[in-house]
Amino acid sequence: MKKIILLLLIVNLDIFAFNRASFGLNINTDDLEIEGRTSLGFTTNNPVYRNFYFDANLINSEDTLMGFGLYVENSPINYQNLSFSIGLRSIFTKNGGNDFTALPIILGAKARMYLGNLPKSNLGLKFAYAPSPLSFQDASNYFEYRIEVDMNIIQNVDVYLGYRNIDTDYDTRDYNYNDAFYVGFKFVLD
């Protein structure tokens, strides 16, 4: 377990070394999540790829859940305060000796909020779903949703509060992996 956490931390720190990236940590009373994301624009000079992102996360609870994703995020032309994302993610975990692997489809939305003299804030929603054809090994399906509010308290640092619910349904039984509020912070390079 310590090796997996260390490996993910190293990968996230490498990701953080590039522009348009973030590295975060969030906790609650039961678990810890390490997360990171970077724009794939650094791999080429072609501006088409500036809205493609790679992300990774690890949730250390009773069982470890790892995820790696690739998605596109962009704003509608006339609504720059909104952004939408769509992509794919790979999920790996195990419970009770059963391995769980899924390839959920991700849908997300984020809106910038203007709260008077308060710092820049965002409200974000994310859904990830893998039906049976996208669930492998002992998995039956996967469903996750998150709601998150973040605030830019100082330059390059966001604090956030969120709620996540993760259902990892196995062939033999349904298992709610996580259902909790969390708080955290992110280092952000934009």
C-alpha atoms as a PDB file:
ATOM      1  CA  MET A   1       0.000   0.000   0.000  1.00  0.00           C
ATOM      2  CA  LYS A   2       2.780   2.444   0.901  1.00  0.00           C
ATOM      3  CA  LYS A   3       4.500   1.717  -2.428  1.00  0.00           C
ATOM      4  CA  ILE A   4       1.301   2.459  -4.361  1.00  0.00           C
ATOM      5  CA  ILE A   5       0.785   5.753  -2.514  1.00  0.00           C
ATOM      6  CA  LEU A   6       4.430   6.728  -3.071  1.00  0.00           C
ATOM      7  CA  LEU A   7       4.241   5.861  -6.781  1.00  0.00           C
ATOM      8  CA  LEU A   8       1.055   7.877  -7.262  1.00  0.00           C
ATOM      9  CA  LEU A   9       2.567  10.792  -5.355  1.00  0.00           C
ATOM     10  CA  ILE A  10       5.646  10.759  -7.609  1.00  0.00           C
ATOM     11  CA  VAL A  11       3.493  10.577 -10.755  1.00  0.00           C
ATOM     12  CA  ASN A  12       1.358  13.480  -9.505  1.00  0.00           C
ATOM     13  CA  LEU A  13       4.413  15.578  -8.671  1.00  0.00           C
ATOM     14  CA  ASP A  14       5.750  14.962 -12.193  1.00  0.00           C
ATOM     15  CA  ILE A  15       2.364  15.980 -13.586  1.00  0.00           C
ATOM     16  CA  PHE A  16       2.445  19.093 -11.382  1.00  0.00           C
ATOM     17  CA  ALA A  17       5.729  20.191 -12.969  1.00  0.00           C
ATOM     18  CA  PHE A  18       3.899  21.176 -16.162  1.00  0.00           C
ATOM     19  CA  ASN A  19       1.697  24.209 -16.858  1.00  0.00           C
ATOM     20  CA  ARG A  20      -2.097  24.003 -16.424  1.00  0.00           C
ATOM     21  CA  ALA A  21      -1.815  21.406 -13.716  1.00  0.00           C
ATOM     22  CA  SER A  22      -3.008  20.829 -10.173  1.00  0.00           C
ATOM     23  CA  PHE A  23      -2.095  18.566  -7.298  1.00  0.00           C
ATOM     24  CA  GLY A  24      -4.441  18.119  -4.356  1.00  0.00           C
ATOM     25  CA  LEU A  25      -5.078  16.305  -1.129  1.00  0.00           C
ATOM     26  CA  ASN A  26      -8.429  15.840   0.589  1.00  0.00           C
ATOM     27  CA  ILE A  27      -9.448  14.067   3.765  1.00  0.00           C
ATOM     28  CA  ASN A  28     -12.404  13.161   5.917  1.00  0.00           C
ATOM     29  CA  THR A  29     -12.739  11.057   9.054  1.00  0.00           C
ATOM     30  CA  ASP A  30     -12.424   7.764   7.133  1.00  0.00           C
ATOM     31  CA  ASP A  31     -10.150   8.227   4.132  1.00  0.00           C
ATOM     32  CA  LEU A  32      -7.522  10.207   2.257  1.00  0.00           C
ATOM     33  CA  GLU A  33      -7.476  11.105  -1.447  1.00  0.00           C
ATOM     34  CA  ILE A  34      -4.464  12.231  -3.461  1.00  0.00           C
ATOM     35  CA  GLU A  35      -5.270  13.680  -6.864  1.00  0.00           C
ATOM     36  CA  GLY A  36      -3.509  15.380  -9.750  1.00  0.00           C
ATOM     37  CA  ARG A  37      -4.231  16.586 -13.260  1.00  0.00           C
ATOM     38  CA  THR A  38      -2.334  18.147 -16.138  1.00  0.00           C
ATOM     39  CA  SER A  39      -3.066  19.495 -19.579  1.00  0.00           C
ATOM     40  CA  LEU A  40      -1.630  17.382 -22.398  1.00  0.00           C
ATOM     41  CA  GLY A  41      -0.798  20.605 -24.243  1.00  0.00           C
ATOM     42  CA  PHE A  42       2.828  20.353 -23.079  1.00  0.00           C
ATOM     43  CA  THR A  43       3.334  17.285 -25.310  1.00  0.00           C
ATOM     44  CA  THR A  44       2.931  19.259 -28.539  1.00  0.00           C
ATOM     45  CA  ASN A  45       2.883  22.789 -29.924  1.00  0.00           C
ATOM     46  CA  ASN A  46      -0.519  22.147 -31.508  1.00  0.00           C
ATOM     47  CA  PRO A  47      -3.099  24.311 -29.642  1.00  0.00           C
ATOM     48  CA  VAL A  48      -5.838  21.729 -30.319  1.00  0.00           C
ATOM     49  CA  TYR A  49      -4.576  19.634 -27.393  1.00  0.00           C
ATOM     50  CA  ARG A  50      -4.572  22.412 -24.776  1.00  0.00           C
ATOM     51  CA  ASN A  51      -7.999  21.277 -23.499  1.00  0.00           C
ATOM     52  CA  PHE A  52      -7.087  17.587 -23.198  1.00  0.00           C
ATOM     53  CA  TYR A  53      -6.292  16.530 -19.639  1.00  0.00           C
ATOM     54  CA  PHE A  54      -4.810  13.508 -17.923  1.00  0.00           C
ATOM     55  CA  ASP A  55      -5.660  12.950 -14.251  1.00  0.00           C
ATOM     56  CA  ALA A  56      -4.939  10.407 -11.557  1.00  0.00           C
ATOM     57  CA  ASN A  57      -6.262   9.804  -8.061  1.00  0.00           C
ATOM     58  CA  LEU A  58      -5.888   7.381  -5.201  1.00  0.00           C
ATOM     59  CA  ILE A  59      -8.374   6.984  -2.355  1.00  0.00           C
ATOM     60  CA  ASN A  60      -7.010   5.163   0.669  1.00  0.00           C
ATOM     61  CA  SER A  61      -9.948   3.841   2.668  1.00  0.00           C
ATOM     62  CA  GLU A  62     -10.566   0.278   3.884  1.00  0.00           C
ATOM     63  CA  ASP A  63      -9.514  -0.734   0.361  1.00  0.00           C
ATOM     64  CA  THR A  64      -7.446   1.313  -2.074  1.00  0.00           C
ATOM     65  CA  LEU A  65      -9.112   2.736  -5.181  1.00  0.00           C
ATOM     66  CA  MET A  66      -6.923   4.058  -8.016  1.00  0.00           C
ATOM     67  CA  GLY A  67      -8.120   5.915 -11.071  1.00  0.00           C
ATOM     68  CA  PHE A  68      -6.518   7.278 -14.233  1.00  0.00           C
ATOM     69  CA  GLY A  69      -8.453   9.375 -16.717  1.00  0.00           C
ATOM     70  CA  LEU A  70      -8.275  11.200 -20.012  1.00  0.00           C
ATOM     71  CA  TYR A  71     -10.858  13.844 -20.847  1.00  0.00           C
ATOM     72  CA  VAL A  72     -11.569  17.032 -22.771  1.00  0.00           C
ATOM     73  CA  GLU A  73     -12.680  20.184 -20.940  1.00  0.00           C
ATOM     74  CA  ASN A  74     -13.898  23.320 -22.652  1.00  0.00           C
ATOM     75  CA  SER A  75     -16.240  26.312 -22.326  1.00  0.00           C
ATOM     76  CA  PRO A  76     -19.075  27.234 -24.695  1.00  0.00           C
ATOM     77  CA  ILE A  77     -18.110  30.222 -26.834  1.00  0.00           C
ATOM     78  CA  ASN A  78     -20.567  32.690 -25.289  1.00  0.00           C
ATOM     79  CA  TYR A  79     -20.364  31.354 -21.704  1.00  0.00           C
ATOM     80  CA  GLN A  80     -16.756  31.465 -20.552  1.00  0.00           C
ATOM     81  CA  ASN A  81     -17.830  31.103 -16.896  1.00  0.00           C
ATOM     82  CA  LEU A  82     -19.069  27.556 -17.590  1.00  0.00           C
ATOM     83  CA  SER A  83     -16.991  24.560 -18.594  1.00  0.00           C
ATOM     84  CA  PHE A  84     -17.980  21.033 -19.494  1.00  0.00           C
ATOM     85  CA  SER A  85     -15.918  17.863 -19.663  1.00  0.00           C
ATOM     86  CA  ILE A  86     -16.279  14.399 -21.122  1.00  0.00           C
ATOM     87  CA  GLY A  87     -13.854  11.490 -21.103  1.00  0.00           C
ATOM     88  CA  LEU A  88     -12.911   8.019 -19.930  1.00  0.00           C
ATOM     89  CA  ARG A  89     -11.406   6.800 -16.694  1.00  0.00           C
ATOM     90  CA  SER A  90      -9.928   3.511 -15.547  1.00  0.00           C
ATOM     91  CA  ILE A  91     -10.760   2.352 -12.013  1.00  0.00           C
ATOM     92  CA  PHE A  92      -8.924  -0.344 -10.029  1.00  0.00           C
ATOM     93  CA  THR A  93      -9.806  -1.624  -6.557  1.00  0.00           C
ATOM     94  CA  LYS A  94     -10.594  -4.828  -4.698  1.00  0.00           C
ATOM     95  CA  ASN A  95     -12.829  -5.885  -1.842  1.00  0.00           C
ATOM     96  CA  GLY A  96     -13.198  -9.205  -0.077  1.00  0.00           C
ATOM     97  CA  GLY A  97     -10.728 -10.900  -2.415  1.00  0.00           C
ATOM     98  CA  ASN A  98     -12.589  -9.750  -5.542  1.00  0.00           C
ATOM     99  CA  ASP A  99     -10.761  -7.553  -8.073  1.00  0.00           C
ATOM    100  CA  PHE A 100     -12.644  -4.623  -9.569  1.00  0.00           C
ATOM    101  CA  THR A 101     -11.721  -2.966 -12.863  1.00  0.00           C
ATOM    102  CA  ALA A 102     -13.985  -0.590 -14.768  1.00  0.00           C
ATOM    103  CA  LEU A 103     -13.766   1.947 -17.577  1.00  0.00           C
ATOM    104  CA  PRO A 104     -16.430   4.564 -16.723  1.00  0.00           C
ATOM    105  CA  ILE A 105     -17.498   7.438 -18.929  1.00  0.00           C
ATOM    106  CA  ILE A 106     -17.015  10.828 -17.215  1.00  0.00           C
ATOM    107  CA  LEU A 107     -19.311  13.829 -17.549  1.00  0.00           C
ATOM    108  CA  GLY A 108     -18.563  17.024 -15.659  1.00  0.00           C
ATOM    109  CA  ALA A 109     -19.552  20.664 -15.381  1.00  0.00           C
ATOM    110  CA  LYS A 110     -18.050  23.615 -13.560  1.00  0.00           C
ATOM    111  CA  ALA A 111     -19.426  27.134 -13.044  1.00  0.00           C
ATOM    112  CA  ARG A 112     -17.511  30.165 -11.800  1.00  0.00           C
ATOM    113  CA  MET A 113     -19.354  31.941  -9.001  1.00  0.00           C
ATOM    114  CA  TYR A 114     -19.086  35.636  -8.205  1.00  0.00           C
ATOM    115  CA  LEU A 115     -19.667  36.203  -4.505  1.00  0.00           C
ATOM    116  CA  GLY A 116     -19.002  39.904  -4.057  1.00  0.00           C
ATOM    117  CA  ASN A 117     -15.656  40.581  -2.378  1.00  0.00           C
ATOM    118  CA  LEU A 118     -14.922  36.899  -1.758  1.00  0.00           C
ATOM    119  CA  PRO A 119     -12.123  35.260  -3.781  1.00  0.00           C
ATOM    120  CA  LYS A 120     -12.756  33.443  -7.062  1.00  0.00           C
ATOM    121  CA  SER A 121     -14.948  30.369  -6.461  1.00  0.00           C
ATOM    122  CA  ASN A 122     -16.256  27.459  -8.535  1.00  0.00           C
ATOM    123  CA  LEU A 123     -19.063  24.938  -8.198  1.00  0.00           C
ATOM    124  CA  GLY A 124     -18.379  21.613  -9.897  1.00  0.00           C
ATOM    125  CA  LEU A 125     -20.335  18.413 -10.576  1.00  0.00           C
ATOM    126  CA  LYS A 126     -18.909  15.160 -11.897  1.00  0.00           C
ATOM    127  CA  PHE A 127     -20.533  11.863 -12.852  1.00  0.00           C
ATOM    128  CA  ALA A 128     -18.783   8.647 -13.838  1.00  0.00           C
ATOM    129  CA  TYR A 129     -20.656   5.536 -14.954  1.00  0.00           C
ATOM    130  CA  ALA A 130     -19.529   2.156 -16.254  1.00  0.00           C
ATOM    131  CA  PRO A 131     -22.327  -0.229 -17.220  1.00  0.00           C
ATOM    132  CA  SER A 132     -21.732  -3.956 -17.382  1.00  0.00           C
ATOM    133  CA  PRO A 133     -19.926  -3.942 -20.788  1.00  0.00           C
ATOM    134  CA  LEU A 134     -17.349  -1.468 -19.377  1.00  0.00           C
ATOM    135  CA  SER A 135     -16.850  -3.406 -16.115  1.00  0.00           C
ATOM    136  CA  PHE A 136     -14.269  -6.184 -16.016  1.00  0.00           C
ATOM    137  CA  GLN A 137     -12.968  -8.974 -13.741  1.00  0.00           C
ATOM    138  CA  ASP A 138     -15.388  -9.328 -10.794  1.00  0.00           C
ATOM    139  CA  ALA A 139     -17.135  -5.988 -11.500  1.00  0.00           C
ATOM    140  CA  SER A 140     -20.795  -5.623 -12.449  1.00  0.00           C
ATOM    141  CA  ASN A 141     -20.987  -1.797 -12.787  1.00  0.00           C
ATOM    142  CA  TYR A 142     -19.549   1.424 -11.382  1.00  0.00           C
ATOM    143  CA  PHE A 143     -21.228   4.722 -10.511  1.00  0.00           C
ATOM    144  CA  GLU A 144     -19.676   7.824  -8.941  1.00  0.00           C
ATOM    145  CA  TYR A 145     -20.848  11.374  -8.442  1.00  0.00           C
ATOM    146  CA  ARG A 146     -19.190  14.358  -6.799  1.00  0.00           C
ATOM    147  CA  ILE A 147     -20.240  17.867  -5.893  1.00  0.00           C
ATOM    148  CA  GLU A 148     -17.456  20.287  -5.027  1.00  0.00           C
ATOM    149  CA  VAL A 149     -17.075  23.969  -4.170  1.00  0.00           C
ATOM    150  CA  ASP A 150     -13.607  25.525  -4.302  1.00  0.00           C
ATOM    151  CA  MET A 151     -12.242  28.949  -3.439  1.00  0.00           C
ATOM    152  CA  ASN A 152      -8.925  30.509  -4.467  1.00  0.00           C
ATOM    153  CA  ILE A 153      -7.659  31.729  -1.069  1.00  0.00           C
ATOM    154  CA  ILE A 154      -4.165  32.755  -2.191  1.00  0.00           C
ATOM    155  CA  GLN A 155      -2.485  32.729  -5.585  1.00  0.00           C
ATOM    156  CA  ASN A 156      -2.042  29.141  -6.846  1.00  0.00           C
ATOM    157  CA  VAL A 157      -3.846  27.570  -3.856  1.00  0.00           C
ATOM    158  CA  ASP A 158      -7.499  26.501  -3.746  1.00  0.00           C
ATOM    159  CA  VAL A 159      -9.344  25.094  -0.757  1.00  0.00           C
ATOM    160  CA  TYR A 160     -12.405  22.993  -1.365  1.00  0.00           C
ATOM    161  CA  LEU A 161     -15.316  21.213   0.243  1.00  0.00           C
ATOM    162  CA  GLY A 162     -17.038  18.339  -1.483  1.00  0.00           C
ATOM    163  CA  TYR A 163     -19.234  15.297  -1.293  1.00  0.00           C
ATOM    164  CA  ARG A 164     -18.594  12.030  -3.138  1.00  0.00           C
ATOM    165  CA  ASN A 165     -20.526   8.804  -3.518  1.00  0.00           C
ATOM    166  CA  ILE A 166     -18.836   5.806  -5.162  1.00  0.00           C
ATOM    167  CA  ASP A 167     -20.683   2.533  -5.818  1.00  0.00           C
ATOM    168  CA  THR A 168     -18.562  -0.433  -6.871  1.00  0.00           C
ATOM    169  CA  ASP A 169     -21.014  -3.207  -7.694  1.00  0.00           C
ATOM    170  CA  TYR A 170     -19.465  -6.657  -7.923  1.00  0.00           C
ATOM    171  CA  ASP A 171     -20.897  -9.731  -9.666  1.00  0.00           C
ATOM    172  CA  THR A 172     -21.778 -11.257  -6.297  1.00  0.00           C
ATOM    173  CA  ARG A 173     -22.847  -8.175  -4.303  1.00  0.00           C
ATOM    174  CA  ASP A 174     -23.203  -4.392  -4.314  1.00  0.00           C
ATOM    175  CA  TYR A 175     -20.664  -2.395  -2.327  1.00  0.00           C
ATOM    176  CA  ASN A 176     -20.815   1.334  -1.596  1.00  0.00           C
ATOM    177  CA  TYR A 177     -17.105   2.136  -1.575  1.00  0.00           C
ATOM    178  CA  ASN A 178     -17.435   5.704  -0.360  1.00  0.00           C
ATOM    179  CA  ASP A 179     -20.225   8.046   0.749  1.00  0.00           C
ATOM    180  CA  ALA A 180     -18.722  11.053   2.513  1.00  0.00           C
ATOM    181  CA  PHE A 181     -18.044  14.770   2.710  1.00  0.00           C
ATOM    182  CA  TYR A 182     -14.404  15.858   2.467  1.00  0.00           C
ATOM    183  CA  VAL A 183     -12.217  18.961   2.693  1.00  0.00           C
ATOM    184  CA  GLY A 184      -8.943  19.608   0.967  1.00  0.00           C
ATOM    185  CA  PHE A 185      -6.557  21.923  -0.818  1.00  0.00           C
ATOM    186  CA  LYS A 186      -4.950  22.075  -4.255  1.00  0.00           C
ATOM    187  CA  PHE A 187      -1.860  23.650  -5.715  1.00  0.00           C
ATOM    188  CA  VAL A 188      -2.934  25.048  -9.085  1.00  0.00           C
ATOM    189  CA  LEU A 189      -0.836  26.188 -12.049  1.00  0.00           C
ATOM    190  CA  ASP A 190      -2.906  27.864 -14.781  1.00  0.00           C
END
